[in-house]
Amino acid sequence: MKNLKDLGIAYKPADGKKRFGGSLTPLGNLQNCEITVLDFETEIKTREGEGRYVVQYEPDGAKTKFITNSEEMKSILCDFMPDIFML
């Protein structure tokens, strides 16, 4: 029996946004922590408002995510990270 992944079948959200698995970490828990950013998605709407970014990261080998509306962090992700993800 084959699974859907072997057949090349994957869910594609109608809005085109990426979906990241893993638990959601409060951003305050990451102060003074070193993380590895794996990917991010822009312009996410949450109950706190629109225009947020969701960032998938790896603190210690386990993928997780956080949501930010920090203009500084959003700028860094948009200005520097796309070059890394395009490799």
N, C-alpha and C. Protein backbone atom coordinates (compact mmCIF):
# COMPACT_ATOMS: atom_id res chain seq x y z
N MET A 1 0.84 -1.18 0.00
CA MET A 1 0.00 0.00 0.00
C MET A 1 0.88 1.24 0.00
N LYS A 2 0.54 2.21 -0.82
CA LYS A 2 1.31 3.46 -0.89
C LYS A 2 0.61 4.54 -0.06
N ASN A 3 1.43 5.43 0.47
CA ASN A 3 0.82 6.56 1.16
C ASN A 3 0.73 7.74 0.20
N LEU A 4 -0.01 8.77 0.59
CA LEU A 4 -0.23 9.92 -0.29
C LEU A 4 1.06 10.65 -0.64
N LYS A 5 1.99 10.70 0.28
CA LYS A 5 3.27 11.36 0.03
C LYS A 5 4.02 10.67 -1.10
N ASP A 6 4.01 9.32 -1.11
CA ASP A 6 4.67 8.56 -2.17
C ASP A 6 4.04 8.84 -3.54
N LEU A 7 2.76 9.16 -3.54
CA LEU A 7 2.06 9.45 -4.79
C LEU A 7 2.18 10.91 -5.22
N GLY A 8 2.84 11.72 -4.39
CA GLY A 8 3.02 13.13 -4.72
C GLY A 8 1.80 13.97 -4.43
N ILE A 9 0.91 13.47 -3.58
CA ILE A 9 -0.31 14.19 -3.24
C ILE A 9 -0.08 14.92 -1.92
N ALA A 10 -0.32 16.22 -1.94
CA ALA A 10 -0.15 17.02 -0.74
C ALA A 10 -1.23 18.09 -0.69
N TYR A 11 -1.60 18.47 0.50
CA TYR A 11 -2.59 19.52 0.69
C TYR A 11 -2.03 20.86 0.26
N LYS A 12 -2.79 21.59 -0.54
CA LYS A 12 -2.41 22.94 -0.96
C LYS A 12 -3.51 23.88 -0.53
N PRO A 13 -3.26 24.68 0.52
CA PRO A 13 -4.30 25.59 1.01
C PRO A 13 -4.75 26.58 -0.06
N ALA A 14 -6.03 26.89 -0.05
CA ALA A 14 -6.61 27.81 -1.03
C ALA A 14 -5.97 29.20 -0.94
N ASP A 15 -5.55 29.60 0.26
CA ASP A 15 -4.95 30.92 0.42
C ASP A 15 -3.48 30.96 0.04
N GLY A 16 -2.89 29.80 -0.26
CA GLY A 16 -1.49 29.74 -0.68
C GLY A 16 -0.49 29.89 0.45
N LYS A 17 -0.95 30.01 1.68
CA LYS A 17 -0.05 30.19 2.82
C LYS A 17 0.50 28.86 3.29
N LYS A 18 1.73 28.90 3.80
CA LYS A 18 2.37 27.71 4.35
C LYS A 18 1.75 27.39 5.71
N ARG A 19 1.70 26.11 6.02
CA ARG A 19 1.24 25.65 7.33
C ARG A 19 2.41 24.96 8.02
N PHE A 20 2.71 25.39 9.25
CA PHE A 20 3.82 24.83 9.99
C PHE A 20 3.32 24.01 11.15
N GLY A 21 3.84 22.80 11.29
CA GLY A 21 3.50 21.95 12.42
C GLY A 21 4.29 22.35 13.63
N GLY A 22 4.05 21.67 14.70
CA GLY A 22 4.78 21.95 15.94
C GLY A 22 3.99 22.85 16.85
N SER A 23 4.43 22.92 18.07
CA SER A 23 3.73 23.73 19.07
C SER A 23 4.03 25.21 18.86
N LEU A 24 3.16 26.05 19.38
CA LEU A 24 3.31 27.50 19.28
C LEU A 24 3.97 28.00 20.56
N THR A 25 5.11 28.67 20.40
CA THR A 25 5.87 29.18 21.53
C THR A 25 5.59 30.66 21.72
N PRO A 26 5.26 31.10 22.94
CA PRO A 26 5.14 32.54 23.19
C PRO A 26 6.50 33.21 22.93
N LEU A 27 6.48 34.31 22.21
CA LEU A 27 7.72 34.98 21.82
C LEU A 27 8.57 35.37 23.02
N GLY A 28 7.95 35.71 24.13
CA GLY A 28 8.69 36.07 25.34
C GLY A 28 9.57 34.94 25.86
N ASN A 29 9.21 33.70 25.53
CA ASN A 29 10.00 32.55 25.98
C ASN A 29 11.31 32.43 25.22
N LEU A 30 11.48 33.19 24.16
CA LEU A 30 12.68 33.07 23.33
C LEU A 30 13.73 34.13 23.60
N GLN A 31 13.49 35.00 24.57
CA GLN A 31 14.47 36.03 24.87
C GLN A 31 15.79 35.39 25.28
N ASN A 32 16.87 35.89 24.70
CA ASN A 32 18.23 35.43 24.98
C ASN A 32 18.45 33.96 24.63
N CYS A 33 17.66 33.44 23.68
CA CYS A 33 17.82 32.06 23.22
C CYS A 33 18.33 32.07 21.78
N GLU A 34 19.17 31.12 21.47
CA GLU A 34 19.64 30.96 20.11
C GLU A 34 18.75 29.94 19.41
N ILE A 35 18.23 30.31 18.24
CA ILE A 35 17.37 29.41 17.49
C ILE A 35 17.84 29.36 16.04
N THR A 36 17.39 28.35 15.32
CA THR A 36 17.65 28.23 13.89
C THR A 36 16.33 28.43 13.17
N VAL A 37 16.21 29.50 12.40
CA VAL A 37 14.99 29.77 11.63
C VAL A 37 14.99 28.86 10.41
N LEU A 38 13.89 28.13 10.24
CA LEU A 38 13.76 27.20 9.12
C LEU A 38 12.97 27.80 7.96
N ASP A 39 11.92 28.55 8.28
CA ASP A 39 11.05 29.13 7.26
C ASP A 39 10.12 30.12 7.92
N PHE A 40 9.41 30.91 7.11
CA PHE A 40 8.42 31.83 7.67
C PHE A 40 7.35 32.12 6.63
N GLU A 41 6.23 32.62 7.11
CA GLU A 41 5.13 33.03 6.24
C GLU A 41 4.68 34.41 6.66
N THR A 42 4.35 35.22 5.68
CA THR A 42 3.99 36.62 5.92
C THR A 42 2.47 36.82 5.92
N GLU A 43 2.07 37.96 6.44
CA GLU A 43 0.68 38.42 6.38
C GLU A 43 -0.33 37.39 6.87
N ILE A 44 -0.11 36.94 8.11
CA ILE A 44 -1.01 35.99 8.75
C ILE A 44 -2.00 36.75 9.62
N LYS A 45 -3.26 36.35 9.56
CA LYS A 45 -4.29 36.95 10.41
C LYS A 45 -4.50 36.05 11.62
N THR A 46 -4.41 36.64 12.81
CA THR A 46 -4.66 35.92 14.06
C THR A 46 -5.77 36.65 14.81
N ARG A 47 -6.16 36.11 15.94
CA ARG A 47 -7.20 36.80 16.73
C ARG A 47 -6.70 38.12 17.29
N GLU A 48 -5.37 38.31 17.33
CA GLU A 48 -4.80 39.57 17.80
C GLU A 48 -4.74 40.62 16.69
N GLY A 49 -4.93 40.20 15.44
CA GLY A 49 -4.91 41.16 14.34
C GLY A 49 -4.30 40.58 13.08
N GLU A 50 -4.15 41.43 12.08
CA GLU A 50 -3.62 41.03 10.79
C GLU A 50 -2.16 41.45 10.65
N GLY A 51 -1.52 40.96 9.59
CA GLY A 51 -0.18 41.39 9.26
C GLY A 51 0.94 40.74 10.07
N ARG A 52 0.61 39.69 10.79
CA ARG A 52 1.64 39.00 11.57
C ARG A 52 2.43 38.02 10.70
N TYR A 53 3.56 37.59 11.22
CA TYR A 53 4.38 36.58 10.56
C TYR A 53 4.45 35.36 11.46
N VAL A 54 4.39 34.19 10.87
CA VAL A 54 4.62 32.96 11.63
C VAL A 54 5.99 32.44 11.20
N VAL A 55 6.80 32.10 12.18
CA VAL A 55 8.18 31.69 11.93
C VAL A 55 8.37 30.26 12.47
N GLN A 56 8.82 29.37 11.59
CA GLN A 56 9.16 28.01 12.02
C GLN A 56 10.63 28.00 12.37
N TYR A 57 10.93 27.44 13.52
CA TYR A 57 12.32 27.42 13.97
C TYR A 57 12.61 26.10 14.65
N GLU A 58 13.88 25.91 14.95
CA GLU A 58 14.34 24.67 15.57
C GLU A 58 15.25 25.03 16.74
N PRO A 59 14.73 24.93 17.97
CA PRO A 59 15.57 25.28 19.11
C PRO A 59 16.59 24.19 19.46
N ASP A 60 16.13 22.95 19.52
CA ASP A 60 17.01 21.85 19.91
C ASP A 60 16.64 20.58 19.14
N GLY A 61 16.47 20.72 17.84
CA GLY A 61 16.15 19.56 17.01
C GLY A 61 14.67 19.30 16.83
N ALA A 62 13.81 20.01 17.54
CA ALA A 62 12.36 19.83 17.40
C ALA A 62 11.77 21.07 16.74
N LYS A 63 11.06 20.89 15.64
CA LYS A 63 10.45 22.04 14.96
C LYS A 63 9.30 22.59 15.78
N THR A 64 9.26 23.90 15.86
CA THR A 64 8.18 24.61 16.54
C THR A 64 7.99 25.96 15.85
N LYS A 65 7.15 26.81 16.36
CA LYS A 65 6.87 28.08 15.68
C LYS A 65 6.51 29.17 16.68
N PHE A 66 6.63 30.41 16.20
CA PHE A 66 6.15 31.55 16.97
C PHE A 66 5.54 32.55 16.00
N ILE A 67 4.73 33.45 16.54
CA ILE A 67 4.09 34.48 15.73
C ILE A 67 4.60 35.82 16.21
N THR A 68 4.89 36.71 15.26
CA THR A 68 5.40 38.03 15.63
C THR A 68 4.72 39.12 14.81
N ASN A 69 4.63 40.29 15.42
CA ASN A 69 4.20 41.49 14.73
C ASN A 69 5.26 42.57 14.88
N SER A 70 6.45 42.19 15.31
CA SER A 70 7.56 43.11 15.48
C SER A 70 8.02 43.61 14.11
N GLU A 71 7.97 44.90 13.90
CA GLU A 71 8.40 45.48 12.62
C GLU A 71 9.88 45.19 12.37
N GLU A 72 10.69 45.22 13.43
CA GLU A 72 12.11 44.93 13.28
C GLU A 72 12.33 43.49 12.81
N MET A 73 11.67 42.54 13.45
CA MET A 73 11.84 41.15 13.08
C MET A 73 11.29 40.87 11.68
N LYS A 74 10.15 41.46 11.36
CA LYS A 74 9.55 41.27 10.03
C LYS A 74 10.47 41.82 8.94
N SER A 75 11.09 42.96 9.22
CA SER A 75 12.02 43.55 8.27
C SER A 75 13.24 42.66 8.05
N ILE A 76 13.79 42.14 9.13
CA ILE A 76 14.96 41.25 9.02
C ILE A 76 14.60 40.01 8.22
N LEU A 77 13.46 39.41 8.50
CA LEU A 77 13.04 38.21 7.77
C LEU A 77 12.88 38.50 6.28
N CYS A 78 12.24 39.61 5.95
CA CYS A 78 11.98 39.93 4.53
C CYS A 78 13.24 40.38 3.80
N ASP A 79 14.13 41.08 4.50
CA ASP A 79 15.32 41.61 3.84
C ASP A 79 16.45 40.60 3.68
N PHE A 80 16.58 39.71 4.64
CA PHE A 80 17.73 38.81 4.64
C PHE A 80 17.40 37.34 4.44
N MET A 81 16.31 36.88 4.99
CA MET A 81 16.00 35.46 4.97
C MET A 81 15.62 34.92 3.59
N PRO A 82 14.92 35.64 2.73
CA PRO A 82 14.56 35.04 1.42
C PRO A 82 15.78 34.56 0.64
N ASP A 83 16.90 35.27 0.75
CA ASP A 83 18.12 34.85 0.05
C ASP A 83 18.59 33.48 0.54
N ILE A 84 18.44 33.24 1.82
CA ILE A 84 18.84 31.96 2.40
C ILE A 84 17.92 30.86 1.95
N PHE A 85 16.60 31.13 1.92
CA PHE A 85 15.64 30.10 1.56
C PHE A 85 15.63 29.80 0.09
N MET A 86 16.21 30.66 -0.73
CA MET A 86 16.24 30.44 -2.17
C MET A 86 17.38 29.51 -2.60
N LEU A 87 18.29 29.19 -1.68
CA LEU A 87 19.43 28.32 -2.01
C LEU A 87 18.99 26.92 -2.30
